[in-house]
Structures are given as structure tokens and as C-alpha cells.
Amino acid sequence: MTVVGFDAQGGCSRTGHLGDAVLGAIDGGITSFAVVAGAVGGGFSSLVVIILGVVSIAATSLAFLCVGIAKGWMLDQSRFRSGLETLLTGGGAAVLAYGAGALLRAWMGTGTMA
């Protein structure tokens, strides 16, 4: 499946999902990690840290959905389908990135598994 995107000159081009997946994994992972790490560093209780992590994930998901809806609107495509594709691409990339990190941790034998 391909996605219509914008090239450097501002025109439309067809690209695959790999770039979206990488960006989604990096964005979702870094922002959620930063929120949770900040809460832990601030000495908040475990419940507050978990709530902040869940809210961060929900906000990132909403942002992906909104970006996809806007993309569908600008490209005169189905807004719902475009929003859902972007949300699932970003969410899937985040799950794969988490899995890769867990696999790497287990392979290297460091830390504990969550």
C-alpha cells in the first residue's frame, strides 16, 4: 500500500509506509519516554507515572489521527480512512519498535523485561 506525500518542491509524490513507520516509532517512543522519565525523575508515585504514560500515548494517537484526517482533507481522499491509516501506521511502528527493544534487551541479557 502506498501513501501520497509531498516532495521537496511542494508537489505530490507516492511513497511507501516505511518513512511514516520510522517517524511514528521515533516520535511516539521519544515523547512517551520523556513524559514517563520526567515523572519518575520528579518523584511522582507509580500511579501518576502510569496515568501520565497512558495519557501521553492517547495524545500521540490523537495527533496521528488528526494528521491523517488533515492529509485526507488536503488530498481530497477519505478523511476517516486516511486518519485511520496514519494512526495504525504510527501505532504499529511503535509496537514494532517496543518489540525490537525488548528482543534486543533479552538477546543482550541486560535489564528486566516489562
PDB file of N, CA and C in Angstrom:
ATOM      1  N   MET A   1       0.840  -1.158   0.000  1.00  0.00           N
ATOM      2  CA  MET A   1       0.000   0.000   0.000  1.00  0.00           C
ATOM      3  C   MET A   1       0.898   1.237   0.000  1.00  0.00           C
ATOM      4  N   THR A   2       0.519   2.239  -0.737  1.00  0.00           N
ATOM      5  CA  THR A   2       1.313   3.457  -0.793  1.00  0.00           C
ATOM      6  C   THR A   2       0.518   4.629  -0.255  1.00  0.00           C
ATOM      7  N   VAL A   3       1.247   5.658   0.123  1.00  0.00           N
ATOM      8  CA  VAL A   3       0.647   6.879   0.640  1.00  0.00           C
ATOM      9  C   VAL A   3       1.093   8.020  -0.242  1.00  0.00           C
ATOM     10  N   VAL A   4       0.198   8.956  -0.493  1.00  0.00           N
ATOM     11  CA  VAL A   4       0.570  10.139  -1.250  1.00  0.00           C
ATOM     12  C   VAL A   4       1.157  11.146  -0.277  1.00  0.00           C
ATOM     13  N   GLY A   5       2.348  11.658  -0.580  1.00  0.00           N
ATOM     14  CA  GLY A   5       3.012  12.624   0.286  1.00  0.00           C
ATOM     15  C   GLY A   5       3.454  13.833  -0.514  1.00  0.00           C
ATOM     16  N   PHE A   6       4.184  14.706   0.111  1.00  0.00           N
ATOM     17  CA  PHE A   6       4.675  15.900  -0.553  1.00  0.00           C
ATOM     18  C   PHE A   6       6.174  15.791  -0.744  1.00  0.00           C
ATOM     19  N   ASP A   7       6.662  16.142  -1.931  1.00  0.00           N
ATOM     20  CA  ASP A   7       8.100  16.104  -2.161  1.00  0.00           C
ATOM     21  C   ASP A   7       8.725  17.446  -1.792  1.00  0.00           C
ATOM     22  N   ALA A   8      10.033  17.576  -1.975  1.00  0.00           N
ATOM     23  CA  ALA A   8      10.763  18.778  -1.543  1.00  0.00           C
ATOM     24  C   ALA A   8      10.295  20.037  -2.260  1.00  0.00           C
ATOM     25  N   GLN A   9       9.756  19.895  -3.461  1.00  0.00           N
ATOM     26  CA  GLN A   9       9.307  21.064  -4.218  1.00  0.00           C
ATOM     27  C   GLN A   9       7.853  21.424  -3.914  1.00  0.00           C
ATOM     28  N   GLY A  10       7.206  20.700  -3.005  1.00  0.00           N
ATOM     29  CA  GLY A  10       5.829  21.002  -2.643  1.00  0.00           C
ATOM     30  C   GLY A  10       4.801  20.248  -3.460  1.00  0.00           C
ATOM     31  N   GLY A  11       5.249  19.417  -4.396  1.00  0.00           N
ATOM     32  CA  GLY A  11       4.326  18.630  -5.192  1.00  0.00           C
ATOM     33  C   GLY A  11       4.008  17.306  -4.519  1.00  0.00           C
ATOM     34  N   CYS A  12       3.103  16.573  -5.096  1.00  0.00           N
ATOM     35  CA  CYS A  12       2.719  15.280  -4.533  1.00  0.00           C
ATOM     36  C   CYS A  12       3.605  14.183  -5.097  1.00  0.00           C
ATOM     37  N   SER A  13       3.916  13.215  -4.272  1.00  0.00           N
ATOM     38  CA  SER A  13       4.660  12.044  -4.711  1.00  0.00           C
ATOM     39  C   SER A  13       4.125  10.830  -3.980  1.00  0.00           C
ATOM     40  N   ARG A  14       4.314   9.654  -4.544  1.00  0.00           N
ATOM     41  CA  ARG A  14       3.856   8.419  -3.915  1.00  0.00           C
ATOM     42  C   ARG A  14       5.027   7.793  -3.176  1.00  0.00           C
ATOM     43  N   THR A  15       4.819   7.500  -1.908  1.00  0.00           N
ATOM     44  CA  THR A  15       5.863   6.894  -1.096  1.00  0.00           C
ATOM     45  C   THR A  15       5.291   5.715  -0.338  1.00  0.00           C
ATOM     46  N   GLY A  16       6.156   4.861   0.141  1.00  0.00           N
ATOM     47  CA  GLY A  16       5.725   3.727   0.944  1.00  0.00           C
ATOM     48  C   GLY A  16       5.510   4.134   2.384  1.00  0.00           C
ATOM     49  N   HIS A  17       5.128   3.165   3.207  1.00  0.00           N
ATOM     50  CA  HIS A  17       4.845   3.415   4.619  1.00  0.00           C
ATOM     51  C   HIS A  17       6.095   3.378   5.491  1.00  0.00           C
ATOM     52  N   LEU A  18       7.241   2.995   4.951  1.00  0.00           N
ATOM     53  CA  LEU A  18       8.423   2.832   5.793  1.00  0.00           C
ATOM     54  C   LEU A  18       8.810   4.131   6.485  1.00  0.00           C
ATOM     55  N   GLY A  19       8.840   5.225   5.763  1.00  0.00           N
ATOM     56  CA  GLY A  19       9.189   6.519   6.368  1.00  0.00           C
ATOM     57  C   GLY A  19       8.206   6.916   7.455  1.00  0.00           C
ATOM     58  N   ASP A  20       6.906   6.707   7.203  1.00  0.00           N
ATOM     59  CA  ASP A  20       5.883   7.004   8.209  1.00  0.00           C
ATOM     60  C   ASP A  20       6.072   6.132   9.439  1.00  0.00           C
ATOM     61  N   ALA A  21       6.393   4.860   9.216  1.00  0.00           N
ATOM     62  CA  ALA A  21       6.559   3.934  10.334  1.00  0.00           C
ATOM     63  C   ALA A  21       7.751   4.312  11.198  1.00  0.00           C
ATOM     64  N   VAL A  22       8.851   4.656  10.560  1.00  0.00           N
ATOM     65  CA  VAL A  22      10.048   5.043  11.318  1.00  0.00           C
ATOM     66  C   VAL A  22       9.784   6.321  12.104  1.00  0.00           C
ATOM     67  N   LEU A  23       9.200   7.310  11.459  1.00  0.00           N
ATOM     68  CA  LEU A  23       8.899   8.568  12.139  1.00  0.00           C
ATOM     69  C   LEU A  23       7.912   8.352  13.281  1.00  0.00           C
ATOM     70  N   GLY A  24       6.902   7.538  13.058  1.00  0.00           N
ATOM     71  CA  GLY A  24       5.923   7.259  14.103  1.00  0.00           C
ATOM     72  C   GLY A  24       6.538   6.574  15.308  1.00  0.00           C
ATOM     73  N   ALA A  25       7.406   5.604  15.044  1.00  0.00           N
ATOM     74  CA  ALA A  25       8.050   4.893  16.154  1.00  0.00           C
ATOM     75  C   ALA A  25       8.956   5.819  16.947  1.00  0.00           C
ATOM     76  N   ILE A  26       9.710   6.633  16.252  1.00  0.00           N
ATOM     77  CA  ILE A  26      10.629   7.547  16.946  1.00  0.00           C
ATOM     78  C   ILE A  26       9.843   8.590  17.736  1.00  0.00           C
ATOM     79  N   ASP A  27       8.852   9.193  17.095  1.00  0.00           N
ATOM     80  CA  ASP A  27       8.072  10.238  17.767  1.00  0.00           C
ATOM     81  C   ASP A  27       7.317   9.691  18.970  1.00  0.00           C
ATOM     82  N   GLY A  28       6.595   8.609  18.767  1.00  0.00           N
ATOM     83  CA  GLY A  28       5.819   8.031  19.862  1.00  0.00           C
ATOM     84  C   GLY A  28       6.685   7.540  20.996  1.00  0.00           C
ATOM     85  N   GLY A  29       7.781   6.901  20.658  1.00  0.00           N
ATOM     86  CA  GLY A  29       8.676   6.377  21.685  1.00  0.00           C
ATOM     87  C   GLY A  29       9.368   7.457  22.487  1.00  0.00           C
ATOM     88  N   ILE A  30       9.868   8.454  21.804  1.00  0.00           N
ATOM     89  CA  ILE A  30      10.624   9.503  22.500  1.00  0.00           C
ATOM     90  C   ILE A  30       9.720  10.364  23.370  1.00  0.00           C
ATOM     91  N   THR A  31       8.578  10.759  22.854  1.00  0.00           N
ATOM     92  CA  THR A  31       7.714  11.634  23.660  1.00  0.00           C
ATOM     93  C   THR A  31       7.152  10.912  24.876  1.00  0.00           C
ATOM     94  N   SER A  32       6.706   9.667  24.698  1.00  0.00           N
ATOM     95  CA  SER A  32       6.182   8.918  25.843  1.00  0.00           C
ATOM     96  C   SER A  32       7.282   8.640  26.859  1.00  0.00           C
ATOM     97  N   PHE A  33       8.470   8.294  26.375  1.00  0.00           N
ATOM     98  CA  PHE A  33       9.604   8.065  27.286  1.00  0.00           C
ATOM     99  C   PHE A  33       9.939   9.340  28.053  1.00  0.00           C
ATOM    100  N   ALA A  34       9.937  10.469  27.377  1.00  0.00           N
ATOM    101  CA  ALA A  34      10.280  11.735  28.033  1.00  0.00           C
ATOM    102  C   ALA A  34       9.269  12.079  29.126  1.00  0.00           C
ATOM    103  N   VAL A  35       7.996  11.853  28.858  1.00  0.00           N
ATOM    104  CA  VAL A  35       6.966  12.144  29.863  1.00  0.00           C
ATOM    105  C   VAL A  35       7.138  11.239  31.074  1.00  0.00           C
ATOM    106  N   VAL A  36       7.302   9.943  30.836  1.00  0.00           N
ATOM    107  CA  VAL A  36       7.441   8.990  31.945  1.00  0.00           C
ATOM    108  C   VAL A  36       8.741   9.226  32.707  1.00  0.00           C
ATOM    109  N   ALA A  37       9.833   9.448  31.986  1.00  0.00           N
ATOM    110  CA  ALA A  37      11.121   9.695  32.648  1.00  0.00           C
ATOM    111  C   ALA A  37      11.069  10.970  33.492  1.00  0.00           C
ATOM    112  N   GLY A  38      10.415  11.992  32.988  1.00  0.00           N
ATOM    113  CA  GLY A  38      10.275  13.227  33.752  1.00  0.00           C
ATOM    114  C   GLY A  38       9.463  13.029  35.018  1.00  0.00           C
ATOM    115  N   ALA A  39       8.403  12.216  34.919  1.00  0.00           N
ATOM    116  CA  ALA A  39       7.572  11.947  36.091  1.00  0.00           C
ATOM    117  C   ALA A  39       8.330  11.128  37.127  1.00  0.00           C
ATOM    118  N   VAL A  40       9.093  10.137  36.670  1.00  0.00           N
ATOM    119  CA  VAL A  40       9.898   9.333  37.596  1.00  0.00           C
ATOM    120  C   VAL A  40      10.966  10.200  38.239  1.00  0.00           C
ATOM    121  N   GLY A  41      11.633  11.012  37.421  1.00  0.00           N
ATOM    122  CA  GLY A  41      12.665  11.910  37.941  1.00  0.00           C
ATOM    123  C   GLY A  41      12.111  12.933  38.912  1.00  0.00           C
ATOM    124  N   GLY A  42      10.855  13.309  38.729  1.00  0.00           N
ATOM    125  CA  GLY A  42      10.220  14.261  39.625  1.00  0.00           C
ATOM    126  C   GLY A  42       9.724  13.639  40.917  1.00  0.00           C
ATOM    127  N   GLY A  43       9.851  12.320  41.031  1.00  0.00           N
ATOM    128  CA  GLY A  43       9.480  11.647  42.258  1.00  0.00           C
ATOM    129  C   GLY A  43       7.992  11.387  42.420  1.00  0.00           C
ATOM    130  N   PHE A  44       7.248  11.367  41.328  1.00  0.00           N
ATOM    131  CA  PHE A  44       5.818  11.085  41.403  1.00  0.00           C
ATOM    132  C   PHE A  44       5.578   9.624  41.748  1.00  0.00           C
ATOM    133  N   SER A  45       4.392   9.328  42.250  1.00  0.00           N
ATOM    134  CA  SER A  45       4.049   7.944  42.593  1.00  0.00           C
ATOM    135  C   SER A  45       3.901   7.107  41.315  1.00  0.00           C
ATOM    136  N   SER A  46       3.936   5.794  41.493  1.00  0.00           N
ATOM    137  CA  SER A  46       3.805   4.888  40.346  1.00  0.00           C
ATOM    138  C   SER A  46       2.478   5.091  39.622  1.00  0.00           C
ATOM    139  N   LEU A  47       1.413   5.342  40.349  1.00  0.00           N
ATOM    140  CA  LEU A  47       0.105   5.558  39.730  1.00  0.00           C
ATOM    141  C   LEU A  47       0.121   6.785  38.829  1.00  0.00           C
ATOM    142  N   VAL A  48       0.723   7.864  39.292  1.00  0.00           N
ATOM    143  CA  VAL A  48       0.807   9.086  38.491  1.00  0.00           C
ATOM    144  C   VAL A  48       1.651   8.845  37.244  1.00  0.00           C
ATOM    145  N   VAL A  49       2.750   8.112  37.381  1.00  0.00           N
ATOM    146  CA  VAL A  49       3.615   7.809  36.232  1.00  0.00           C
ATOM    147  C   VAL A  49       2.847   7.003  35.194  1.00  0.00           C
ATOM    148  N   ILE A  50       2.085   6.008  35.641  1.00  0.00           N
ATOM    149  CA  ILE A  50       1.303   5.186  34.711  1.00  0.00           C
ATOM    150  C   ILE A  50       0.224   6.029  34.030  1.00  0.00           C
ATOM    151  N   ILE A  51      -0.460   6.862  34.783  1.00  0.00           N
ATOM    152  CA  ILE A  51      -1.503   7.720  34.200  1.00  0.00           C
ATOM    153  C   ILE A  51      -0.895   8.667  33.164  1.00  0.00           C
ATOM    154  N   LEU A  52       0.232   9.274  33.488  1.00  0.00           N
ATOM    155  CA  LEU A  52       0.886  10.175  32.526  1.00  0.00           C
ATOM    156  C   LEU A  52       1.332   9.431  31.271  1.00  0.00           C
ATOM    157  N   GLY A  53       1.826   8.209  31.428  1.00  0.00           N
ATOM    158  CA  GLY A  53       2.224   7.412  30.266  1.00  0.00           C
ATOM    159  C   GLY A  53       1.049   7.096  29.365  1.00  0.00           C
ATOM    160  N   VAL A  54      -0.074   6.693  29.955  1.00  0.00           N
ATOM    161  CA  VAL A  54      -1.272   6.371  29.177  1.00  0.00           C
ATOM    162  C   VAL A  54      -1.818   7.618  28.486  1.00  0.00           C
ATOM    163  N   VAL A  55      -1.842   8.735  29.187  1.00  0.00           N
ATOM    164  CA  VAL A  55      -2.312   9.990  28.589  1.00  0.00           C
ATOM    165  C   VAL A  55      -1.388  10.418  27.440  1.00  0.00           C
ATOM    166  N   SER A  56      -0.096  10.225  27.613  1.00  0.00           N
ATOM    167  CA  SER A  56       0.855  10.564  26.553  1.00  0.00           C
ATOM    168  C   SER A  56       0.613   9.713  25.307  1.00  0.00           C
ATOM    169  N   ILE A  57       0.379   8.424  25.502  1.00  0.00           N
ATOM    170  CA  ILE A  57       0.101   7.544  24.370  1.00  0.00           C
ATOM    171  C   ILE A  57      -1.209   7.942  23.695  1.00  0.00           C
ATOM    172  N   ALA A  58      -2.224   8.267  24.480  1.00  0.00           N
ATOM    173  CA  ALA A  58      -3.516   8.681  23.918  1.00  0.00           C
ATOM    174  C   ALA A  58      -3.376   9.985  23.128  1.00  0.00           C
ATOM    175  N   ALA A  59      -2.614  10.934  23.659  1.00  0.00           N
ATOM    176  CA  ALA A  59      -2.427  12.206  22.959  1.00  0.00           C
ATOM    177  C   ALA A  59      -1.657  12.015  21.655  1.00  0.00           C
ATOM    178  N   THR A  60      -0.651  11.149  21.670  1.00  0.00           N
ATOM    179  CA  THR A  60       0.105  10.866  20.450  1.00  0.00           C
ATOM    180  C   THR A  60      -0.798  10.201  19.419  1.00  0.00           C
ATOM    181  N   SER A  61      -1.654   9.283  19.855  1.00  0.00           N
ATOM    182  CA  SER A  61      -2.590   8.621  18.941  1.00  0.00           C
ATOM    183  C   SER A  61      -3.565   9.618  18.339  1.00  0.00           C
ATOM    184  N   LEU A  62      -4.073  10.520  19.156  1.00  0.00           N
ATOM    185  CA  LEU A  62      -4.980  11.551  18.656  1.00  0.00           C
ATOM    186  C   LEU A  62      -4.280  12.452  17.637  1.00  0.00           C
ATOM    187  N   ALA A  63      -3.023  12.767  17.904  1.00  0.00           N
ATOM    188  CA  ALA A  63      -2.263  13.596  16.962  1.00  0.00           C
ATOM    189  C   ALA A  63      -2.083  12.876  15.625  1.00  0.00           C
ATOM    190  N   PHE A  64      -1.763  11.575  15.667  1.00  0.00           N
ATOM    191  CA  PHE A  64      -1.643  10.803  14.417  1.00  0.00           C
ATOM    192  C   PHE A  64      -2.960  10.805  13.660  1.00  0.00           C
ATOM    193  N   LEU A  65      -4.068  10.606  14.366  1.00  0.00           N
ATOM    194  CA  LEU A  65      -5.375  10.595  13.729  1.00  0.00           C
ATOM    195  C   LEU A  65      -5.681  11.943  13.086  1.00  0.00           C
ATOM    196  N   CYS A  66      -5.401  13.017  13.779  1.00  0.00           N
ATOM    197  CA  CYS A  66      -5.660  14.365  13.241  1.00  0.00           C
ATOM    198  C   CYS A  66      -4.798  14.670  12.026  1.00  0.00           C
ATOM    199  N   VAL A  67      -3.541  14.266  12.078  1.00  0.00           N
ATOM    200  CA  VAL A  67      -2.657  14.481  10.916  1.00  0.00           C
ATOM    201  C   VAL A  67      -3.184  13.705   9.715  1.00  0.00           C
ATOM    202  N   GLY A  68      -3.610  12.467   9.946  1.00  0.00           N
ATOM    203  CA  GLY A  68      -4.162  11.673   8.851  1.00  0.00           C
ATOM    204  C   GLY A  68      -5.434  12.269   8.284  1.00  0.00           C
ATOM    205  N   ILE A  69      -6.307  12.768   9.142  1.00  0.00           N
ATOM    206  CA  ILE A  69      -7.535  13.419   8.682  1.00  0.00           C
ATOM    207  C   ILE A  69      -7.198  14.659   7.854  1.00  0.00           C
ATOM    208  N   ALA A  70      -6.250  15.447   8.323  1.00  0.00           N
ATOM    209  CA  ALA A  70      -5.840  16.644   7.571  1.00  0.00           C
ATOM    210  C   ALA A  70      -5.235  16.256   6.227  1.00  0.00           C
ATOM    211  N   LYS A  71      -4.438  15.184   6.214  1.00  0.00           N
ATOM    212  CA  LYS A  71      -3.846  14.719   4.955  1.00  0.00           C
ATOM    213  C   LYS A  71      -4.942  14.303   3.982  1.00  0.00           C
ATOM    214  N   GLY A  72      -5.939  13.567   4.460  1.00  0.00           N
ATOM    215  CA  GLY A  72      -7.044  13.162   3.599  1.00  0.00           C
ATOM    216  C   GLY A  72      -7.829  14.344   3.082  1.00  0.00           C
ATOM    217  N   TRP A  73      -8.017  15.343   3.927  1.00  0.00           N
ATOM    218  CA  TRP A  73      -8.738  16.546   3.515  1.00  0.00           C
ATOM    219  C   TRP A  73      -7.965  17.308   2.437  1.00  0.00           C
ATOM    220  N   MET A  74      -6.647  17.472   2.633  1.00  0.00           N
ATOM    221  CA  MET A  74      -5.839  18.222   1.663  1.00  0.00           C
ATOM    222  C   MET A  74      -5.704  17.496   0.334  1.00  0.00           C
ATOM    223  N   LEU A  75      -5.690  16.165   0.378  1.00  0.00           N
ATOM    224  CA  LEU A  75      -5.515  15.396  -0.849  1.00  0.00           C
ATOM    225  C   LEU A  75      -6.833  14.917  -1.434  1.00  0.00           C
ATOM    226  N   ASP A  76      -7.947  15.400  -0.862  1.00  0.00           N
ATOM    227  CA  ASP A  76      -9.287  15.075  -1.332  1.00  0.00           C
ATOM    228  C   ASP A  76      -9.512  13.562  -1.349  1.00  0.00           C
ATOM    229  N   GLN A  77      -9.145  12.925  -0.251  1.00  0.00           N
ATOM    230  CA  GLN A  77      -9.346  11.496  -0.054  1.00  0.00           C
ATOM    231  C   GLN A  77     -10.287  11.302   1.130  1.00  0.00           C
ATOM    232  N   SER A  78     -10.634  10.071   1.401  1.00  0.00           N
ATOM    233  CA  SER A  78     -11.478   9.776   2.555  1.00  0.00           C
ATOM    234  C   SER A  78     -10.736  10.182   3.831  1.00  0.00           C
ATOM    235  N   ARG A  79     -11.325  11.112   4.570  1.00  0.00           N
ATOM    236  CA  ARG A  79     -10.670  11.605   5.788  1.00  0.00           C
ATOM    237  C   ARG A  79     -10.572  10.510   6.852  1.00  0.00           C
ATOM    238  N   PHE A  80     -11.638   9.736   7.009  1.00  0.00           N
ATOM    239  CA  PHE A  80     -11.644   8.677   8.016  1.00  0.00           C
ATOM    240  C   PHE A  80     -10.585   7.619   7.688  1.00  0.00           C
ATOM    241  N   ARG A  81     -10.559   7.182   6.454  1.00  0.00           N
ATOM    242  CA  ARG A  81      -9.590   6.149   6.061  1.00  0.00           C
ATOM    243  C   ARG A  81      -8.159   6.653   6.192  1.00  0.00           C
ATOM    244  N   SER A  82      -7.912   7.871   5.756  1.00  0.00           N
ATOM    245  CA  SER A  82      -6.570   8.444   5.858  1.00  0.00           C
ATOM    246  C   SER A  82      -6.142   8.587   7.314  1.00  0.00           C
ATOM    247  N   GLY A  83      -7.055   9.047   8.165  1.00  0.00           N
ATOM    248  CA  GLY A  83      -6.745   9.178   9.594  1.00  0.00           C
ATOM    249  C   GLY A  83      -6.463   7.840  10.231  1.00  0.00           C
ATOM    250  N   LEU A  84      -7.276   6.842   9.893  1.00  0.00           N
ATOM    251  CA  LEU A  84      -7.085   5.511  10.445  1.00  0.00           C
ATOM    252  C   LEU A  84      -5.782   4.881   9.962  1.00  0.00           C
ATOM    253  N   GLU A  85      -5.444   5.070   8.678  1.00  0.00           N
ATOM    254  CA  GLU A  85      -4.182   4.537   8.150  1.00  0.00           C
ATOM    255  C   GLU A  85      -2.987   5.145   8.874  1.00  0.00           C
ATOM    256  N   THR A  86      -3.022   6.450   9.077  1.00  0.00           N
ATOM    257  CA  THR A  86      -1.912   7.117   9.753  1.00  0.00           C
ATOM    258  C   THR A  86      -1.814   6.664  11.206  1.00  0.00           C
ATOM    259  N   LEU A  87      -2.942   6.547  11.880  1.00  0.00           N
ATOM    260  CA  LEU A  87      -2.962   6.077  13.263  1.00  0.00           C
ATOM    261  C   LEU A  87      -2.413   4.663  13.370  1.00  0.00           C
ATOM    262  N   LEU A  88      -2.871   3.771  12.497  1.00  0.00           N
ATOM    263  CA  LEU A  88      -2.412   2.382  12.546  1.00  0.00           C
ATOM    264  C   LEU A  88      -0.944   2.251  12.151  1.00  0.00           C
ATOM    265  N   THR A  89      -0.492   3.058  11.197  1.00  0.00           N
ATOM    266  CA  THR A  89       0.918   3.027  10.809  1.00  0.00           C
ATOM    267  C   THR A  89       1.801   3.463  11.973  1.00  0.00           C
ATOM    268  N   GLY A  90       1.447   4.568  12.607  1.00  0.00           N
ATOM    269  CA  GLY A  90       2.232   5.046  13.751  1.00  0.00           C
ATOM    270  C   GLY A  90       2.163   4.105  14.936  1.00  0.00           C
ATOM    271  N   GLY A  91       0.962   3.583  15.231  1.00  0.00           N
ATOM    272  CA  GLY A  91       0.810   2.650  16.340  1.00  0.00           C
ATOM    273  C   GLY A  91       1.538   1.343  16.093  1.00  0.00           C
ATOM    274  N   GLY A  92       1.424   0.837  14.872  1.00  0.00           N
ATOM    275  CA  GLY A  92       2.140  -0.393  14.525  1.00  0.00           C
ATOM    276  C   GLY A  92       3.644  -0.222  14.604  1.00  0.00           C
ATOM    277  N   ALA A  93       4.117   0.914  14.163  1.00  0.00           N
ATOM    278  CA  ALA A  93       5.560   1.185  14.235  1.00  0.00           C
ATOM    279  C   ALA A  93       6.027   1.255  15.683  1.00  0.00           C
ATOM    280  N   ALA A  94       5.223   1.862  16.541  1.00  0.00           N
ATOM    281  CA  ALA A  94       5.594   1.945  17.955  1.00  0.00           C
ATOM    282  C   ALA A  94       5.635   0.561  18.594  1.00  0.00           C
ATOM    283  N   VAL A  95       4.669  -0.295  18.261  1.00  0.00           N
ATOM    284  CA  VAL A  95       4.653  -1.661  18.799  1.00  0.00           C
ATOM    285  C   VAL A  95       5.870  -2.435  18.309  1.00  0.00           C
ATOM    286  N   LEU A  96       6.191  -2.308  17.024  1.00  0.00           N
ATOM    287  CA  LEU A  96       7.369  -2.985  16.486  1.00  0.00           C
ATOM    288  C   LEU A  96       8.655  -2.472  17.128  1.00  0.00           C
ATOM    289  N   ALA A  97       8.741  -1.189  17.358  1.00  0.00           N
ATOM    290  CA  ALA A  97       9.930  -0.627  17.999  1.00  0.00           C
ATOM    291  C   ALA A  97      10.070  -1.135  19.429  1.00  0.00           C
ATOM    292  N   TYR A  98       8.957  -1.212  20.151  1.00  0.00           N
ATOM    293  CA  TYR A  98       8.988  -1.756  21.512  1.00  0.00           C
ATOM    294  C   TYR A  98       9.425  -3.214  21.486  1.00  0.00           C
ATOM    295  N   GLY A  99       8.865  -3.983  20.550  1.00  0.00           N
ATOM    296  CA  GLY A  99       9.234  -5.395  20.424  1.00  0.00           C
ATOM    297  C   GLY A  99      10.699  -5.583  20.089  1.00  0.00           C
ATOM    298  N   ALA A 100      11.210  -4.733  19.194  1.00  0.00           N
ATOM    299  CA  ALA A 100      12.628  -4.817  18.841  1.00  0.00           C
ATOM    300  C   ALA A 100      13.506  -4.491  20.047  1.00  0.00           C
ATOM    301  N   GLY A 101      13.117  -3.498  20.823  1.00  0.00           N
ATOM    302  CA  GLY A 101      13.879  -3.153  22.028  1.00  0.00           C
ATOM    303  C   GLY A 101      13.849  -4.261  23.062  1.00  0.00           C
ATOM    304  N   ALA A 102      12.665  -4.875  23.250  1.00  0.00           N
ATOM    305  CA  ALA A 102      12.544  -5.982  24.206  1.00  0.00           C
ATOM    306  C   ALA A 102      13.359  -7.179  23.746  1.00  0.00           C
ATOM    307  N   LEU A 103      13.324  -7.459  22.458  1.00  0.00           N
ATOM    308  CA  LEU A 103      14.109  -8.567  21.908  1.00  0.00           C
ATOM    309  C   LEU A 103      15.602  -8.315  22.073  1.00  0.00           C
ATOM    310  N   LEU A 104      16.023  -7.106  21.789  1.00  0.00           N
ATOM    311  CA  LEU A 104      17.435  -6.752  21.940  1.00  0.00           C
ATOM    312  C   LEU A 104      17.869  -6.847  23.399  1.00  0.00           C
ATOM    313  N   ARG A 105      17.027  -6.395  24.306  1.00  0.00           N
ATOM    314  CA  ARG A 105      17.337  -6.473  25.738  1.00  0.00           C
ATOM    315  C   ARG A 105      17.484  -7.929  26.163  1.00  0.00           C
ATOM    316  N   ALA A 106      16.550  -8.787  25.710  1.00  0.00           N
ATOM    317  CA  ALA A 106      16.611 -10.212  26.057  1.00  0.00           C
ATOM    318  C   ALA A 106      17.832 -10.873  25.422  1.00  0.00           C
ATOM    319  N   TRP A 107      18.150 -10.494  24.208  1.00  0.00           N
ATOM    320  CA  TRP A 107      19.289 -11.068  23.498  1.00  0.00           C
ATOM    321  C   TRP A 107      20.598 -10.700  24.168  1.00  0.00           C
ATOM    322  N   MET A 108      20.697  -9.451  24.629  1.00  0.00           N
ATOM    323  CA  MET A 108      21.926  -8.987  25.274  1.00  0.00           C
ATOM    324  C   MET A 108      21.967  -9.398  26.747  1.00  0.00           C
ATOM    325  N   GLY A 109      20.824  -9.813  27.294  1.00  0.00           N
ATOM    326  CA  GLY A 109      20.785 -10.277  28.679  1.00  0.00           C
ATOM    327  C   GLY A 109      20.941  -9.165  29.692  1.00  0.00           C
ATOM    328  N   THR A 110      20.470  -7.965  29.384  1.00  0.00           N
ATOM    329  CA  THR A 110      20.573  -6.851  30.325  1.00  0.00           C
ATOM    330  C   THR A 110      19.201  -6.404  30.764  1.00  0.00           C
ATOM    331  N   GLY A 111      19.100  -5.910  31.973  1.00  0.00           N
ATOM    332  CA  GLY A 111      17.837  -5.341  32.463  1.00  0.00           C
ATOM    333  C   GLY A 111      16.775  -6.393  32.694  1.00  0.00           C
ATOM    334  N   THR A 112      15.596  -5.910  33.025  1.00  0.00           N
ATOM    335  CA  THR A 112      14.464  -6.786  33.252  1.00  0.00           C
ATOM    336  C   THR A 112      13.421  -6.513  32.190  1.00  0.00           C
ATOM    337  N   MET A 113      12.631  -7.490  31.887  1.00  0.00           N
ATOM    338  CA  MET A 113      11.572  -7.323  30.901  1.00  0.00           C
ATOM    339  C   MET A 113      10.357  -6.714  31.574  1.00  0.00           C
ATOM    340  N   ALA A 114       9.677  -5.794  30.862  1.00  0.00           N
ATOM    341  CA  ALA A 114       8.470  -5.146  31.408  1.00  0.00           C
ATOM    342  C   ALA A 114       7.268  -6.020  31.229  1.00  0.00           C
TER     343      ALA A 114
END
